[in-house]
Amino acid sequence: MLISLLIGLVMYLPAFAANGGATFVRNGTPIDFHRNFTDGRRVFGDGKSFEGLLLSITFGTDVGIIISRFLGPHWIWIGFVESVFAMVGDMTGAFIKRRLNIPRGGRAWGLDQLDFVLGSTLALVILGEVPTLFQFAFVAFIAFLMHMATNYEAYRLKIKTVPW
């Protein structure tokens, strides 16, 4: 059972790397070009930038390259696609938050922690690397804990203004 959990975690490493990658970009070019949706609110907001997206996909693909050394060259492609889908999940979360009038940095329990996991899960299923329900639940739990811990640490270090 422990091996299965570890395999599940390895399957999602490109998504975790991609999700953390965008945080290194502070003031990039917004993907929505500052445009509003039909409801008058920003499509995604300033937190979703082309530079952050590129860095995220690069981080996730690099992790796929590392995994490919152990599990085969197809993991380069999996790392790339999983990273793209993780970021689509993240942008979908941002889109939903804007529709709910939750500002950038505002709290949306569950959505903030799991949007990239859901996106990357879709990629894994499409690519035939289907995680078990147990692996998915474990990774979702880890993502939830890591999100809370890293955000609190960023707040403590004065990188973020709120602890979530």
C-alpha atoms as a PDB file:
ATOM      1  CA  MET A   1       0.000   0.000   0.000  1.00  0.00           C
ATOM      2  CA  LEU A   2       2.842   2.412   0.804  1.00  0.00           C
ATOM      3  CA  ILE A   3       4.404   1.704  -2.598  1.00  0.00           C
ATOM      4  CA  SER A   4       1.097   2.530  -4.291  1.00  0.00           C
ATOM      5  CA  LEU A   5       0.919   5.864  -2.450  1.00  0.00           C
ATOM      6  CA  LEU A   6       4.493   6.712  -3.408  1.00  0.00           C
ATOM      7  CA  ILE A   7       3.801   5.834  -7.050  1.00  0.00           C
ATOM      8  CA  GLY A   8       0.759   8.099  -6.923  1.00  0.00           C
ATOM      9  CA  LEU A   9       2.851  10.918  -5.522  1.00  0.00           C
ATOM     10  CA  VAL A  10       5.500  10.464  -8.225  1.00  0.00           C
ATOM     11  CA  MET A  11       2.772  10.542 -10.891  1.00  0.00           C
ATOM     12  CA  TYR A  12       1.728  14.001  -9.676  1.00  0.00           C
ATOM     13  CA  LEU A  13       5.203  15.494  -9.157  1.00  0.00           C
ATOM     14  CA  PRO A  14       5.153  17.391 -12.480  1.00  0.00           C
ATOM     15  CA  ALA A  15       1.873  19.035 -11.449  1.00  0.00           C
ATOM     16  CA  PHE A  16       3.226  19.986  -8.021  1.00  0.00           C
ATOM     17  CA  ALA A  17       6.321  21.499  -9.645  1.00  0.00           C
ATOM     18  CA  ALA A  18       4.215  23.369 -12.188  1.00  0.00           C
ATOM     19  CA  ASN A  19       1.853  24.686  -9.539  1.00  0.00           C
ATOM     20  CA  GLY A  20       4.750  26.058  -7.506  1.00  0.00           C
ATOM     21  CA  GLY A  21       6.619  27.416 -10.514  1.00  0.00           C
ATOM     22  CA  ALA A  22       4.362  30.364 -11.225  1.00  0.00           C
ATOM     23  CA  THR A  23       4.908  31.794  -7.751  1.00  0.00           C
ATOM     24  CA  PHE A  24       8.394  32.868  -8.815  1.00  0.00           C
ATOM     25  CA  VAL A  25       6.939  35.442 -11.212  1.00  0.00           C
ATOM     26  CA  ARG A  26       5.797  38.637  -9.535  1.00  0.00           C
ATOM     27  CA  ASN A  27       4.722  41.066 -12.268  1.00  0.00           C
ATOM     28  CA  GLY A  28       4.210  39.297 -15.548  1.00  0.00           C
ATOM     29  CA  THR A  29       1.991  39.999 -18.526  1.00  0.00           C
ATOM     30  CA  PRO A  30      -1.537  38.918 -17.556  1.00  0.00           C
ATOM     31  CA  ILE A  31      -2.951  36.129 -19.702  1.00  0.00           C
ATOM     32  CA  ASP A  32      -6.259  37.998 -19.863  1.00  0.00           C
ATOM     33  CA  PHE A  33      -4.525  41.231 -20.974  1.00  0.00           C
ATOM     34  CA  HIS A  34      -6.451  43.087 -18.210  1.00  0.00           C
ATOM     35  CA  ARG A  35      -9.731  42.271 -19.975  1.00  0.00           C
ATOM     36  CA  ASN A  36     -13.032  41.742 -18.194  1.00  0.00           C
ATOM     37  CA  PHE A  37     -15.489  38.922 -18.686  1.00  0.00           C
ATOM     38  CA  THR A  38     -19.160  39.574 -19.520  1.00  0.00           C
ATOM     39  CA  ASP A  39     -19.888  40.030 -15.805  1.00  0.00           C
ATOM     40  CA  GLY A  40     -17.553  43.042 -15.666  1.00  0.00           C
ATOM     41  CA  ARG A  41     -14.879  41.237 -13.614  1.00  0.00           C
ATOM     42  CA  ARG A  42     -11.404  40.280 -14.798  1.00  0.00           C
ATOM     43  CA  VAL A  43     -11.232  36.984 -16.651  1.00  0.00           C
ATOM     44  CA  PHE A  44      -8.338  35.626 -14.548  1.00  0.00           C
ATOM     45  CA  GLY A  45      -6.644  38.544 -12.810  1.00  0.00           C
ATOM     46  CA  ASP A  46      -3.056  39.695 -12.504  1.00  0.00           C
ATOM     47  CA  GLY A  47      -1.974  36.466 -10.819  1.00  0.00           C
ATOM     48  CA  LYS A  48      -2.110  34.496 -14.070  1.00  0.00           C
ATOM     49  CA  SER A  49       0.672  35.637 -16.395  1.00  0.00           C
ATOM     50  CA  PHE A  50       2.298  34.321 -19.548  1.00  0.00           C
ATOM     51  CA  GLU A  51       5.668  34.311 -17.794  1.00  0.00           C
ATOM     52  CA  GLY A  52       4.260  32.334 -14.863  1.00  0.00           C
ATOM     53  CA  LEU A  53       2.612  29.866 -17.218  1.00  0.00           C
ATOM     54  CA  LEU A  54       5.845  29.331 -19.154  1.00  0.00           C
ATOM     55  CA  LEU A  55       7.877  28.895 -15.972  1.00  0.00           C
ATOM     56  CA  SER A  56       5.297  26.476 -14.563  1.00  0.00           C
ATOM     57  CA  ILE A  57       5.303  24.310 -17.656  1.00  0.00           C
ATOM     58  CA  THR A  58       9.117  24.386 -17.683  1.00  0.00           C
ATOM     59  CA  PHE A  59       9.314  23.279 -14.029  1.00  0.00           C
ATOM     60  CA  GLY A  60       6.806  20.462 -14.551  1.00  0.00           C
ATOM     61  CA  THR A  61       8.464  19.267 -17.753  1.00  0.00           C
ATOM     62  CA  ASP A  62      11.857  19.283 -16.040  1.00  0.00           C
ATOM     63  CA  VAL A  63      10.437  17.032 -13.331  1.00  0.00           C
ATOM     64  CA  GLY A  64       9.059  14.799 -16.101  1.00  0.00           C
ATOM     65  CA  ILE A  65      12.575  14.615 -17.545  1.00  0.00           C
ATOM     66  CA  ILE A  66      13.948  13.532 -14.167  1.00  0.00           C
ATOM     67  CA  ILE A  67      11.196  10.917 -13.749  1.00  0.00           C
ATOM     68  CA  SER A  68      11.903   9.646 -17.288  1.00  0.00           C
ATOM     69  CA  ARG A  69      15.360   8.561 -16.169  1.00  0.00           C
ATOM     70  CA  PHE A  70      13.646   5.989 -13.925  1.00  0.00           C
ATOM     71  CA  LEU A  71      10.288   5.250 -15.565  1.00  0.00           C
ATOM     72  CA  GLY A  72      10.955   5.710 -19.272  1.00  0.00           C
ATOM     73  CA  PRO A  73      11.181   8.496 -21.854  1.00  0.00           C
ATOM     74  CA  HIS A  74       7.389   8.803 -22.202  1.00  0.00           C
ATOM     75  CA  TRP A  75       7.436  10.676 -18.880  1.00  0.00           C
ATOM     76  CA  ILE A  76       8.942  13.713 -20.613  1.00  0.00           C
ATOM     77  CA  TRP A  77       5.718  14.019 -22.599  1.00  0.00           C
ATOM     78  CA  ILE A  78       3.596  13.159 -19.555  1.00  0.00           C
ATOM     79  CA  GLY A  79       5.391  15.830 -17.496  1.00  0.00           C
ATOM     80  CA  PHE A  80       4.732  18.430 -20.183  1.00  0.00           C
ATOM     81  CA  VAL A  81       1.066  17.578 -20.723  1.00  0.00           C
ATOM     82  CA  GLU A  82       0.385  17.166 -17.009  1.00  0.00           C
ATOM     83  CA  SER A  83       1.939  20.589 -16.353  1.00  0.00           C
ATOM     84  CA  VAL A  84      -0.214  22.227 -19.016  1.00  0.00           C
ATOM     85  CA  PHE A  85      -3.371  20.631 -17.645  1.00  0.00           C
ATOM     86  CA  ALA A  86      -2.399  21.511 -14.061  1.00  0.00           C
ATOM     87  CA  MET A  87      -2.118  25.158 -15.099  1.00  0.00           C
ATOM     88  CA  VAL A  88      -5.421  24.980 -16.983  1.00  0.00           C
ATOM     89  CA  GLY A  89      -6.931  23.674 -13.745  1.00  0.00           C
ATOM     90  CA  ASP A  90      -5.300  26.523 -11.839  1.00  0.00           C
ATOM     91  CA  MET A  91      -6.598  29.110 -14.329  1.00  0.00           C
ATOM     92  CA  THR A  92     -10.058  27.533 -14.155  1.00  0.00           C
ATOM     93  CA  GLY A  93      -9.907  27.996 -10.391  1.00  0.00           C
ATOM     94  CA  ALA A  94      -8.949  31.648 -10.855  1.00  0.00           C
ATOM     95  CA  PHE A  95     -11.791  32.092 -13.354  1.00  0.00           C
ATOM     96  CA  ILE A  96     -14.294  30.629 -10.875  1.00  0.00           C
ATOM     97  CA  LYS A  97     -12.946  32.796  -8.046  1.00  0.00           C
ATOM     98  CA  ARG A  98     -13.382  35.934 -10.180  1.00  0.00           C
ATOM     99  CA  ARG A  99     -16.974  34.924 -10.969  1.00  0.00           C
ATOM    100  CA  LEU A 100     -17.608  34.510  -7.236  1.00  0.00           C
ATOM    101  CA  ASN A 101     -16.077  37.963  -6.685  1.00  0.00           C
ATOM    102  CA  ILE A 102     -13.237  36.517  -4.604  1.00  0.00           C
ATOM    103  CA  PRO A 103     -10.213  38.806  -5.018  1.00  0.00           C
ATOM    104  CA  ARG A 104      -6.691  37.636  -5.863  1.00  0.00           C
ATOM    105  CA  GLY A 105      -5.298  36.053  -2.729  1.00  0.00           C
ATOM    106  CA  GLY A 106      -8.809  35.587  -1.337  1.00  0.00           C
ATOM    107  CA  ARG A 107      -9.685  32.284   0.255  1.00  0.00           C
ATOM    108  CA  ALA A 108     -11.631  29.595  -1.597  1.00  0.00           C
ATOM    109  CA  TRP A 109     -11.259  26.389   0.433  1.00  0.00           C
ATOM    110  CA  GLY A 110     -10.837  23.312  -1.697  1.00  0.00           C
ATOM    111  CA  LEU A 111     -10.658  25.205  -4.967  1.00  0.00           C
ATOM    112  CA  ASP A 112      -7.338  26.854  -4.081  1.00  0.00           C
ATOM    113  CA  GLN A 113      -5.765  23.578  -3.086  1.00  0.00           C
ATOM    114  CA  LEU A 114      -7.177  21.157  -5.630  1.00  0.00           C
ATOM    115  CA  ASP A 115      -7.700  22.971  -8.943  1.00  0.00           C
ATOM    116  CA  PHE A 116      -4.284  21.948 -10.290  1.00  0.00           C
ATOM    117  CA  VAL A 117      -4.715  18.378  -8.989  1.00  0.00           C
ATOM    118  CA  LEU A 118      -7.992  18.002 -10.860  1.00  0.00           C
ATOM    119  CA  GLY A 119      -6.455  19.381 -14.052  1.00  0.00           C
ATOM    120  CA  SER A 120      -3.445  17.092 -13.835  1.00  0.00           C
ATOM    121  CA  THR A 121      -5.661  14.099 -13.048  1.00  0.00           C
ATOM    122  CA  LEU A 122      -7.531  14.718 -16.294  1.00  0.00           C
ATOM    123  CA  ALA A 123      -4.201  14.748 -18.144  1.00  0.00           C
ATOM    124  CA  LEU A 124      -3.076  11.506 -16.513  1.00  0.00           C
ATOM    125  CA  VAL A 125      -6.355   9.790 -17.404  1.00  0.00           C
ATOM    126  CA  ILE A 126      -6.155  10.998 -21.014  1.00  0.00           C
ATOM    127  CA  LEU A 127      -2.547   9.773 -21.240  1.00  0.00           C
ATOM    128  CA  GLY A 128      -3.418   6.355 -19.806  1.00  0.00           C
ATOM    129  CA  GLU A 129      -1.593   6.799 -16.483  1.00  0.00           C
ATOM    130  CA  VAL A 130      -4.793   6.493 -14.470  1.00  0.00           C
ATOM    131  CA  PRO A 131      -4.277   6.936 -10.722  1.00  0.00           C
ATOM    132  CA  THR A 132      -6.334   4.802  -8.374  1.00  0.00           C
ATOM    133  CA  LEU A 133      -8.960   6.538  -6.272  1.00  0.00           C
ATOM    134  CA  PHE A 134      -6.753   5.878  -3.252  1.00  0.00           C
ATOM    135  CA  GLN A 135      -3.749   7.529  -4.950  1.00  0.00           C
ATOM    136  CA  PHE A 136      -5.875  10.506  -6.005  1.00  0.00           C
ATOM    137  CA  ALA A 137      -7.257  10.957  -2.477  1.00  0.00           C
ATOM    138  CA  PHE A 138      -3.759  10.741  -0.997  1.00  0.00           C
ATOM    139  CA  VAL A 139      -2.356  13.294  -3.445  1.00  0.00           C
ATOM    140  CA  ALA A 140      -5.334  15.615  -2.868  1.00  0.00           C
ATOM    141  CA  PHE A 141      -4.715  15.377   0.887  1.00  0.00           C
ATOM    142  CA  ILE A 142      -0.993  16.101   0.446  1.00  0.00           C
ATOM    143  CA  ALA A 143      -1.787  19.033  -1.880  1.00  0.00           C
ATOM    144  CA  PHE A 144      -4.194  20.445   0.689  1.00  0.00           C
ATOM    145  CA  LEU A 145      -1.620  20.199   3.493  1.00  0.00           C
ATOM    146  CA  MET A 146       1.226  21.560   1.359  1.00  0.00           C
ATOM    147  CA  HIS A 147      -0.878  24.508   0.215  1.00  0.00           C
ATOM    148  CA  MET A 148      -1.711  25.472   3.783  1.00  0.00           C
ATOM    149  CA  ALA A 149       1.879  24.999   5.009  1.00  0.00           C
ATOM    150  CA  THR A 150       3.593  26.857   2.171  1.00  0.00           C
ATOM    151  CA  ASN A 151       1.146  29.747   2.278  1.00  0.00           C
ATOM    152  CA  TYR A 152       1.554  30.094   6.020  1.00  0.00           C
ATOM    153  CA  GLU A 153       5.344  30.059   5.632  1.00  0.00           C
ATOM    154  CA  ALA A 154       5.149  32.689   2.870  1.00  0.00           C
ATOM    155  CA  TYR A 155       3.016  34.822   5.182  1.00  0.00           C
ATOM    156  CA  ARG A 156       5.484  34.349   8.039  1.00  0.00           C
ATOM    157  CA  LEU A 157       8.338  35.404   5.743  1.00  0.00           C
ATOM    158  CA  LYS A 158       6.271  38.455   4.652  1.00  0.00           C
ATOM    159  CA  ILE A 159       6.083  37.237   1.055  1.00  0.00           C
ATOM    160  CA  LYS A 160       2.286  37.089   1.324  1.00  0.00           C
ATOM    161  CA  THR A 161      -0.028  39.443   3.186  1.00  0.00           C
ATOM    162  CA  VAL A 162      -2.459  36.721   4.268  1.00  0.00           C
ATOM    163  CA  PRO A 163      -1.724  33.267   5.728  1.00  0.00           C
ATOM    164  CA  TRP A 164      -3.799  31.364   3.144  1.00  0.00           C
END
